Amino acid sequence: MPIRNAAVLLACLGVVAPARAQGLRSEPISVAGGRVTVGGDVSASFGSPDPGWFNYTDYEHFALRLLRIDVSAAVNAGDHFALLGEMRSENFDSIEPYALYVRFRPWTARHLDIQAGRVPPTFGAFARRTYASDNPLIGYPLAYQYLTSIRPDALPASADELLLKRGSGWRTRYTIGNANADTGVALVSAFRWDTGFQVHAGAPNGLVNVTASLTNGTLSNPLFKDDNGGRQVAGRLELRPSAGVLLGTSLARGPFVTEAASRTVAGEGRDGEFTQTAWGADAEISHAYYLLRFESIVSVWRLPIAAAPAVALPLRAVATSIEGRYKIRPGLYAAARFDHLGFSDVVGALARLPWDAPVTRLEVGAGYSLLRNLLLKASVQGNSRDGGQLVRRGRFAEAQIVWWF
């Protein structure tokens, strides 16, 4: 039950963060000589109604109307092993194991980690800072949140059926596979972590960091249990050529379409052909009061199509995000982010169009630290969508308060 789930997480926060005369707790709880640490993160957002479903997420919540509660813990069993986990609840719906993995460090003097379980993301830059306290704005980049019209468990029979669903990623239905209406997928999910193995290595001076992983799902559809017999391979390279400069590139590829949907169209033995492949490039530059970030992601899906007119495969989507932050004075900053998400063309019986409706987003806002670990944010967001049957423009005002320890 939602109320019971909320009570459990709030009770955990109450245990680790009791009220004190000096105010809110600001540091993680540490017990057993520092071998066990517990922290928390609470964010509450409220924004204007979104009739165009621009800010809908793959957990079927609105990103601008979201109460999120996180409780995280780390148990260090000596110098080589650690168990890390995080429980999350959104809008009191349920308690989800957002993260749960074992970390093994073969050598204490070398920067090498091996992790197994529901592991942190390998791909992309924003995926590493999806906590509300790490995001200078309230909304999310389009690549990580906006739901496209394709699904892993349901397939369009033709190019015409795919074009008919443009802009309907919040609730779409196809004739092949799962017949129930459900959400589409984002290019990269910012709300779920994948399950598998991950290796991270870095140079002692921090100049180079490399991460590789083998997981069950794909970037669009992270999974706890695999549904097509394949695995995603992902890798990331980071360079820090000088102070305040970070350059990154990422790559991922894995089977996307479920076994049931794939075999309905293509028969047995071809599950691994229907994949999601993605490339990413990102950069971050910080100096004095300025922070500038850039990220671009190209995602390609290959789907089995049953009937004419056939879809010109692969389906491609390109997302680009530019974000900036300026510290006006201690505790106060201004920020802005510009996003665009575009799609490759397909040819139907009557028209040649992008396979989903392109979207542009601009968000401008500010943040003020009431305390070191209590942040108040406000922003305005504008969206436009070139096509689809829903509202094509949406403007929202939103506010958020974030507390963490």
Protein backbone atom coordinates (compact mmCIF):
# COMPACT_ATOMS: atom_id res chain seq x y z
CA MET A 1 0.00 0.00 0.00
CA PRO A 2 1.36 3.49 -0.83
CA ILE A 3 0.84 4.89 2.70
CA ARG A 4 2.57 1.90 4.27
CA ASN A 5 5.48 2.20 1.83
CA ALA A 6 5.84 5.89 2.64
CA ALA A 7 5.75 5.18 6.35
CA VAL A 8 8.58 2.66 6.04
CA LEU A 9 10.90 5.04 4.19
CA LEU A 10 10.01 8.00 6.39
CA ALA A 11 10.68 5.86 9.45
CA CYS A 12 14.12 5.05 8.04
CA LEU A 13 14.82 8.73 7.56
CA GLY A 14 13.60 9.38 11.08
CA VAL A 15 15.99 6.80 12.50
CA VAL A 16 19.04 8.12 10.67
CA ALA A 17 18.17 11.81 10.84
CA PRO A 18 16.52 12.65 14.21
CA ALA A 19 15.54 16.22 14.91
CA ARG A 20 18.24 18.12 16.76
CA ALA A 21 18.33 21.52 18.32
CA GLN A 22 20.81 22.81 15.77
CA GLY A 23 18.54 21.92 12.81
CA LEU A 24 18.45 19.32 10.05
CA ARG A 25 21.07 16.60 9.93
CA SER A 26 23.76 17.44 7.43
CA GLU A 27 26.10 14.42 7.55
CA PRO A 28 25.54 10.70 6.89
CA ILE A 29 25.18 8.43 9.90
CA SER A 30 28.33 6.41 10.56
CA VAL A 31 28.43 3.39 12.85
CA ALA A 32 30.66 0.38 13.55
CA GLY A 33 33.80 2.44 13.33
CA GLY A 34 32.83 3.93 9.98
CA ARG A 35 32.19 0.57 8.30
CA VAL A 36 28.47 1.29 7.97
CA THR A 37 27.17 4.61 6.67
CA VAL A 38 23.57 5.62 5.97
CA GLY A 39 22.41 8.70 4.09
CA GLY A 40 19.22 10.14 2.69
CA ASP A 41 17.86 12.43 0.01
CA VAL A 42 14.38 13.98 -0.14
CA SER A 43 13.10 16.20 -2.94
CA ALA A 44 9.63 17.64 -3.44
CA SER A 45 8.66 19.31 -6.73
CA PHE A 46 5.46 21.02 -7.77
CA GLY A 47 4.78 22.52 -11.18
CA SER A 48 2.05 23.57 -13.57
CA PRO A 49 -0.21 20.91 -15.16
CA ASP A 50 1.31 19.19 -18.20
CA PRO A 51 -1.49 18.30 -20.67
CA GLY A 52 1.11 17.57 -23.37
CA TRP A 53 2.86 14.90 -21.25
CA PHE A 54 6.24 16.50 -21.96
CA ASN A 55 7.60 15.64 -18.51
CA TYR A 56 6.17 12.14 -18.07
CA THR A 57 8.64 9.46 -16.94
CA ASP A 58 9.01 5.71 -17.43
CA TYR A 59 7.74 5.24 -13.87
CA GLU A 60 4.53 6.99 -15.04
CA HIS A 61 5.06 10.09 -12.91
CA PHE A 62 5.43 13.75 -13.88
CA ALA A 63 9.00 14.91 -13.27
CA LEU A 64 7.74 18.36 -12.24
CA ARG A 65 5.24 16.96 -9.72
CA LEU A 66 7.31 14.47 -7.82
CA LEU A 67 8.06 13.60 -4.21
CA ARG A 68 11.13 11.39 -4.04
CA ILE A 69 12.57 9.78 -0.93
CA ASP A 70 15.92 7.95 -1.01
CA VAL A 71 17.66 6.00 1.73
CA SER A 72 21.15 4.73 0.88
CA ALA A 73 23.62 2.61 2.83
CA ALA A 74 27.16 1.30 2.44
CA VAL A 75 28.63 -1.59 4.41
CA ASN A 76 32.41 -1.97 4.17
CA ALA A 77 33.60 -5.50 4.91
CA GLY A 78 37.31 -4.86 5.10
CA ASP A 79 39.55 -3.18 2.57
CA HIS A 80 38.39 -5.19 -0.45
CA PHE A 81 34.61 -5.70 -0.22
CA ALA A 82 31.65 -3.35 0.19
CA LEU A 83 27.88 -3.72 -0.14
CA LEU A 84 26.04 -0.64 -1.40
CA GLY A 85 22.33 -0.13 -1.78
CA GLU A 86 19.62 2.46 -2.15
CA MET A 87 15.86 2.25 -1.63
CA ARG A 88 13.67 4.78 -3.41
CA SER A 89 10.03 5.79 -3.32
CA GLU A 90 8.32 8.19 -5.74
CA ASN A 91 4.99 9.77 -4.80
CA PHE A 92 4.57 7.07 -2.12
CA ASP A 93 3.71 4.49 -4.81
CA SER A 94 6.18 1.76 -3.87
CA ILE A 95 9.65 1.12 -2.50
CA GLU A 96 12.11 0.18 -5.25
CA PRO A 97 15.69 -1.12 -4.95
CA TYR A 98 17.21 1.65 -7.08
CA ALA A 99 20.74 0.34 -6.42
CA LEU A 100 22.06 -2.85 -4.81
CA TYR A 101 25.52 -4.11 -5.65
CA VAL A 102 28.74 -5.59 -4.28
CA ARG A 103 32.00 -3.76 -4.90
CA PHE A 104 35.30 -5.65 -4.96
CA ARG A 105 38.69 -3.91 -4.97
CA PRO A 106 41.44 -6.45 -5.71
CA TRP A 107 44.23 -4.02 -4.80
CA THR A 108 43.92 -1.20 -2.29
CA ALA A 109 46.76 0.74 -3.92
CA ARG A 110 45.25 0.68 -7.42
CA HIS A 111 42.18 2.41 -8.82
CA LEU A 112 40.27 -0.68 -9.93
CA ASP A 113 36.72 -1.66 -8.88
CA ILE A 114 34.61 -4.64 -9.90
CA GLN A 115 30.88 -4.32 -9.17
CA ALA A 116 28.00 -6.79 -9.48
CA GLY A 117 24.26 -6.33 -8.98
CA ARG A 118 22.06 -3.35 -9.82
CA VAL A 119 25.03 -1.16 -10.73
CA PRO A 120 25.50 2.57 -11.48
CA PRO A 121 25.18 3.69 -15.12
CA THR A 122 28.15 3.26 -17.42
CA PHE A 123 26.80 5.41 -20.26
CA GLY A 124 26.52 9.18 -20.35
CA ALA A 125 27.22 12.19 -18.16
CA PHE A 126 23.84 13.26 -16.77
CA ALA A 127 23.10 9.70 -15.62
CA ARG A 128 25.76 10.18 -12.94
CA ARG A 129 24.11 13.22 -11.42
CA THR A 130 20.39 12.47 -11.42
CA TYR A 131 19.92 13.22 -7.73
CA ALA A 132 17.94 16.40 -7.26
CA SER A 133 20.84 18.00 -5.39
CA ASP A 134 23.13 17.42 -8.41
CA ASN A 135 20.74 18.91 -10.97
CA PRO A 136 20.86 22.75 -11.06
CA LEU A 137 17.34 22.79 -12.58
CA ILE A 138 14.18 20.82 -11.85
CA GLY A 139 13.43 19.22 -15.21
CA TYR A 140 15.55 16.60 -16.96
CA PRO A 141 17.36 16.64 -20.30
CA LEU A 142 15.12 15.23 -23.05
CA ALA A 143 17.46 12.30 -23.77
CA TYR A 144 17.02 10.99 -20.22
CA GLN A 145 13.32 11.59 -19.62
CA TYR A 146 11.19 12.25 -22.73
CA LEU A 147 9.29 9.11 -23.79
CA THR A 148 9.46 8.26 -27.49
CA SER A 149 6.74 6.23 -29.18
CA ILE A 150 8.63 2.91 -29.43
CA ARG A 151 8.39 0.02 -26.98
CA PRO A 152 10.47 -3.14 -26.47
CA ASP A 153 7.40 -5.38 -26.06
CA ALA A 154 5.10 -4.05 -28.80
CA LEU A 155 5.86 -3.34 -32.46
CA PRO A 156 4.32 -1.33 -35.31
CA ALA A 157 3.24 -3.51 -38.22
CA SER A 158 4.25 -0.87 -40.80
CA ALA A 159 5.67 2.61 -41.31
CA ASP A 160 2.12 4.01 -41.38
CA GLU A 161 1.32 2.60 -37.95
CA LEU A 162 4.56 4.00 -36.53
CA LEU A 163 3.83 7.48 -37.95
CA LEU A 164 0.31 7.36 -36.54
CA LYS A 165 1.78 7.13 -33.02
CA ARG A 166 4.07 10.17 -33.26
CA GLY A 167 4.13 12.12 -30.00
CA SER A 168 2.23 9.46 -28.03
CA GLY A 169 5.06 8.00 -25.95
CA TRP A 170 3.17 8.63 -22.72
CA ARG A 171 0.63 5.94 -23.72
CA THR A 172 0.98 3.99 -26.95
CA ARG A 173 -0.35 0.74 -28.37
CA TYR A 174 0.74 -1.38 -31.36
CA THR A 175 -0.78 -4.33 -33.19
CA ILE A 176 2.13 -6.76 -32.66
CA GLY A 177 3.27 -8.08 -29.30
CA ASN A 178 1.81 -6.83 -26.03
CA ALA A 179 -1.63 -5.45 -26.90
CA ASN A 180 -1.97 -3.32 -23.76
CA ALA A 181 -1.33 0.42 -23.90
CA ASP A 182 1.88 1.39 -22.11
CA THR A 183 4.64 4.01 -22.07
CA GLY A 184 7.36 4.24 -24.67
CA VAL A 185 11.05 4.59 -23.83
CA ALA A 186 13.50 7.44 -23.48
CA LEU A 187 16.87 7.31 -25.21
CA VAL A 188 18.42 6.67 -21.78
CA SER A 189 16.44 6.02 -18.61
CA ALA A 190 17.42 8.34 -15.74
CA PHE A 191 15.05 6.60 -13.33
CA ARG A 192 16.26 2.98 -13.32
CA TRP A 193 19.66 1.30 -13.04
CA ASP A 194 20.55 -1.86 -14.93
CA THR A 195 21.64 -5.21 -13.47
CA GLY A 196 24.88 -7.00 -14.26
CA PHE A 197 28.64 -6.53 -13.90
CA GLN A 198 30.77 -3.40 -14.12
CA VAL A 199 34.51 -2.71 -14.05
CA HIS A 200 35.99 0.72 -13.39
CA ALA A 201 39.67 1.67 -13.64
CA GLY A 202 41.43 5.00 -13.39
CA ALA A 203 44.86 6.54 -13.48
CA PRO A 204 46.23 7.56 -10.06
CA ASN A 205 46.29 11.22 -11.10
CA GLY A 206 42.67 11.12 -12.29
CA LEU A 207 43.62 12.04 -15.86
CA VAL A 208 41.94 8.97 -17.40
CA ASN A 209 38.99 6.88 -16.21
CA VAL A 210 37.54 3.87 -18.03
CA THR A 211 34.31 2.00 -17.23
CA ALA A 212 32.85 -1.11 -18.90
CA SER A 213 29.76 -3.15 -18.11
CA LEU A 214 27.74 -6.20 -19.12
CA THR A 215 24.07 -5.86 -18.13
CA ASN A 216 20.63 -7.38 -18.75
CA GLY A 217 18.67 -4.56 -20.40
CA THR A 218 19.52 -1.60 -22.60
CA LEU A 219 19.86 2.14 -22.01
CA SER A 220 16.18 2.66 -22.87
CA ASN A 221 14.95 -0.34 -20.92
CA PRO A 222 17.11 -1.31 -17.90
CA LEU A 223 16.06 -4.67 -16.49
CA PHE A 224 16.46 -6.74 -13.37
CA LYS A 225 15.63 -9.94 -15.28
CA ASP A 226 16.52 -10.28 -18.95
CA ASP A 227 13.63 -10.71 -21.43
CA ASN A 228 15.42 -11.62 -24.68
CA GLY A 229 18.42 -13.80 -23.88
CA GLY A 230 20.93 -11.08 -24.75
CA ARG A 231 23.20 -8.76 -22.81
CA GLN A 232 24.15 -5.11 -23.27
CA VAL A 233 27.81 -4.17 -23.53
CA ALA A 234 28.63 -0.58 -22.57
CA GLY A 235 31.78 1.45 -22.11
CA ARG A 236 32.81 4.96 -21.14
CA LEU A 237 36.07 6.90 -21.37
CA GLU A 238 36.70 10.10 -19.39
CA LEU A 239 39.63 12.47 -19.76
CA ARG A 240 40.56 15.35 -17.45
CA PRO A 241 43.24 17.19 -19.43
CA SER A 242 43.35 20.13 -17.00
CA ALA A 243 41.70 21.43 -13.86
CA GLY A 244 38.02 22.17 -14.43
CA VAL A 245 37.81 20.31 -17.77
CA LEU A 246 36.14 16.93 -18.28
CA LEU A 247 35.71 15.20 -21.65
CA GLY A 248 33.74 11.98 -22.02
CA THR A 249 32.53 9.54 -24.62
CA SER A 250 30.25 6.50 -24.23
CA LEU A 251 29.09 3.52 -26.27
CA ALA A 252 26.42 0.87 -25.64
CA ARG A 253 24.80 -1.94 -27.61
CA GLY A 254 22.35 -4.67 -26.64
CA PRO A 255 19.21 -6.55 -27.72
CA PHE A 256 16.18 -4.28 -27.25
CA VAL A 257 13.05 -6.12 -28.44
CA THR A 258 11.58 -8.75 -26.13
CA GLU A 259 11.79 -12.38 -27.15
CA ALA A 260 8.01 -12.67 -27.41
CA ALA A 261 7.61 -9.63 -29.70
CA SER A 262 10.61 -10.54 -31.85
CA ARG A 263 9.50 -14.10 -32.50
CA THR A 264 5.98 -13.00 -33.41
CA VAL A 265 7.43 -11.22 -36.46
CA ALA A 266 10.80 -12.81 -37.26
CA GLY A 267 10.58 -16.29 -35.79
CA GLU A 268 13.16 -17.99 -33.60
CA GLY A 269 16.90 -17.42 -33.67
CA ARG A 270 16.93 -13.69 -34.50
CA ASP A 271 16.38 -12.08 -31.09
CA GLY A 272 19.88 -10.62 -30.99
CA GLU A 273 19.41 -8.72 -34.27
CA PHE A 274 16.89 -6.22 -32.90
CA THR A 275 19.10 -3.95 -30.87
CA GLN A 276 19.58 -0.52 -29.39
CA THR A 277 22.98 1.02 -30.13
CA ALA A 278 23.98 4.39 -28.69
CA TRP A 279 26.91 6.76 -28.84
CA GLY A 280 27.45 9.72 -26.55
CA ALA A 281 29.85 12.64 -26.23
CA ASP A 282 29.97 15.14 -23.38
CA ALA A 283 32.08 17.94 -22.00
CA GLU A 284 32.17 19.97 -18.80
CA ILE A 285 34.11 23.18 -18.19
CA SER A 286 34.14 24.98 -14.86
CA HIS A 287 35.99 28.15 -13.94
CA ALA A 288 35.45 30.57 -11.07
CA TYR A 289 31.68 31.19 -10.93
CA TYR A 290 30.85 29.47 -14.23
CA LEU A 291 29.92 25.90 -15.12
CA LEU A 292 29.15 24.84 -18.70
CA ARG A 293 28.05 21.37 -19.79
CA PHE A 294 27.36 19.84 -23.20
CA GLU A 295 26.05 16.39 -24.06
CA SER A 296 24.94 14.77 -27.29
CA ILE A 297 23.51 11.25 -27.65
CA VAL A 298 22.71 9.28 -30.80
CA SER A 299 20.50 6.22 -30.30
CA VAL A 300 19.67 3.69 -33.01
CA TRP A 301 17.01 0.97 -32.78
CA ARG A 302 16.50 -1.96 -35.12
CA LEU A 303 12.97 -3.35 -35.05
CA PRO A 304 11.35 -6.24 -36.96
CA ILE A 305 8.62 -4.86 -39.23
CA ALA A 306 5.92 -7.19 -40.53
CA ALA A 307 4.11 -5.37 -43.35
CA ALA A 308 4.48 -2.75 -46.08
CA PRO A 309 5.21 0.06 -46.25
CA ALA A 310 8.36 -1.09 -44.48
CA VAL A 311 10.19 1.16 -42.06
CA ALA A 312 13.59 2.38 -43.25
CA LEU A 313 15.75 0.91 -40.52
CA PRO A 314 17.42 1.71 -38.29
CA LEU A 315 15.30 4.26 -36.41
CA ARG A 316 17.58 7.03 -35.22
CA ALA A 317 17.18 9.69 -32.55
CA VAL A 318 19.65 12.48 -31.74
CA ALA A 319 19.48 14.49 -28.52
CA THR A 320 21.64 17.52 -27.71
CA SER A 321 21.75 19.39 -24.42
CA ILE A 322 23.63 22.56 -23.40
CA GLU A 323 23.53 23.58 -19.74
CA GLY A 324 25.07 26.49 -17.85
CA ARG A 325 25.21 27.68 -14.25
CA TYR A 326 26.49 30.93 -12.77
CA LYS A 327 27.03 31.57 -9.06
CA ILE A 328 25.69 35.05 -8.38
CA ARG A 329 26.70 35.12 -4.73
CA PRO A 330 27.36 32.55 -1.98
CA GLY A 331 24.36 30.21 -1.90
CA LEU A 332 22.62 31.73 -4.94
CA TYR A 333 22.96 30.68 -8.58
CA ALA A 334 21.21 31.02 -11.93
CA ALA A 335 21.01 28.19 -14.48
CA ALA A 336 19.65 27.38 -17.92
CA ARG A 337 19.43 24.35 -20.20
CA PHE A 338 18.56 24.07 -23.89
CA ASP A 339 17.55 20.70 -25.37
CA HIS A 340 16.59 19.35 -28.75
CA LEU A 341 15.50 15.82 -29.65
CA GLY A 342 15.21 14.91 -33.32
CA PHE A 343 14.35 11.74 -35.27
CA SER A 344 15.21 10.19 -38.62
CA ASP A 345 12.61 10.12 -41.39
CA VAL A 346 10.46 7.18 -42.46
CA VAL A 347 8.28 6.98 -45.56
CA GLY A 348 4.64 6.03 -45.18
CA ALA A 349 1.98 5.59 -47.84
CA LEU A 350 1.09 9.29 -47.76
CA ALA A 351 4.00 11.16 -46.23
CA ARG A 352 7.69 11.22 -45.35
CA LEU A 353 8.06 12.34 -41.73
CA PRO A 354 10.34 11.92 -38.70
CA TRP A 355 9.29 8.67 -37.03
CA ASP A 356 8.47 10.60 -33.84
CA ALA A 357 7.66 14.26 -33.31
CA PRO A 358 10.82 16.38 -32.71
CA VAL A 359 10.89 18.23 -29.37
CA THR A 360 12.68 21.36 -28.18
CA ARG A 361 12.94 22.41 -24.52
CA LEU A 362 14.30 25.49 -22.75
CA GLU A 363 14.44 25.72 -18.96
CA VAL A 364 15.68 28.73 -16.98
CA GLY A 365 15.85 28.89 -13.21
CA ALA A 366 17.69 29.68 -10.01
CA GLY A 367 18.63 27.99 -6.76
CA TYR A 368 19.22 29.26 -3.24
CA SER A 369 20.83 27.29 -0.40
CA LEU A 370 18.77 27.87 2.73
CA LEU A 371 21.32 25.65 4.51
CA ARG A 372 24.38 23.83 3.22
CA ASN A 373 22.22 20.78 2.53
CA LEU A 374 18.80 22.40 2.04
CA LEU A 375 18.28 23.81 -1.45
CA LEU A 376 15.32 25.70 -2.87
CA LYS A 377 14.95 25.84 -6.67
CA ALA A 378 12.54 27.58 -9.01
CA SER A 379 12.38 27.53 -12.80
CA VAL A 380 10.26 28.04 -15.88
CA GLN A 381 10.24 25.55 -18.74
CA GLY A 382 9.04 25.85 -22.33
CA ASN A 383 8.47 22.89 -24.67
CA SER A 384 7.48 22.63 -28.31
CA ARG A 385 6.69 19.49 -30.32
CA ASP A 386 6.59 19.41 -34.11
CA GLY A 387 3.71 17.00 -34.71
CA GLY A 388 1.59 14.48 -32.89
CA GLN A 389 -2.02 14.55 -31.75
CA LEU A 390 -1.47 16.10 -28.30
CA VAL A 391 -0.84 19.68 -27.20
CA ARG A 392 2.21 20.82 -29.13
CA ARG A 393 3.38 23.56 -26.77
CA GLY A 394 3.75 23.57 -23.04
CA ARG A 395 5.00 26.22 -20.62
CA PHE A 396 5.44 25.41 -16.97
CA ALA A 397 6.50 27.10 -13.74
CA GLU A 398 7.86 24.86 -11.02
CA ALA A 399 9.50 24.90 -7.59
CA GLN A 400 11.49 22.27 -5.72
CA ILE A 401 12.99 21.85 -2.27
CA VAL A 402 15.80 19.36 -1.68
CA TRP A 403 17.32 18.07 1.56
CA TRP A 404 20.12 15.54 1.79
CA PHE A 405 22.54 14.18 4.35
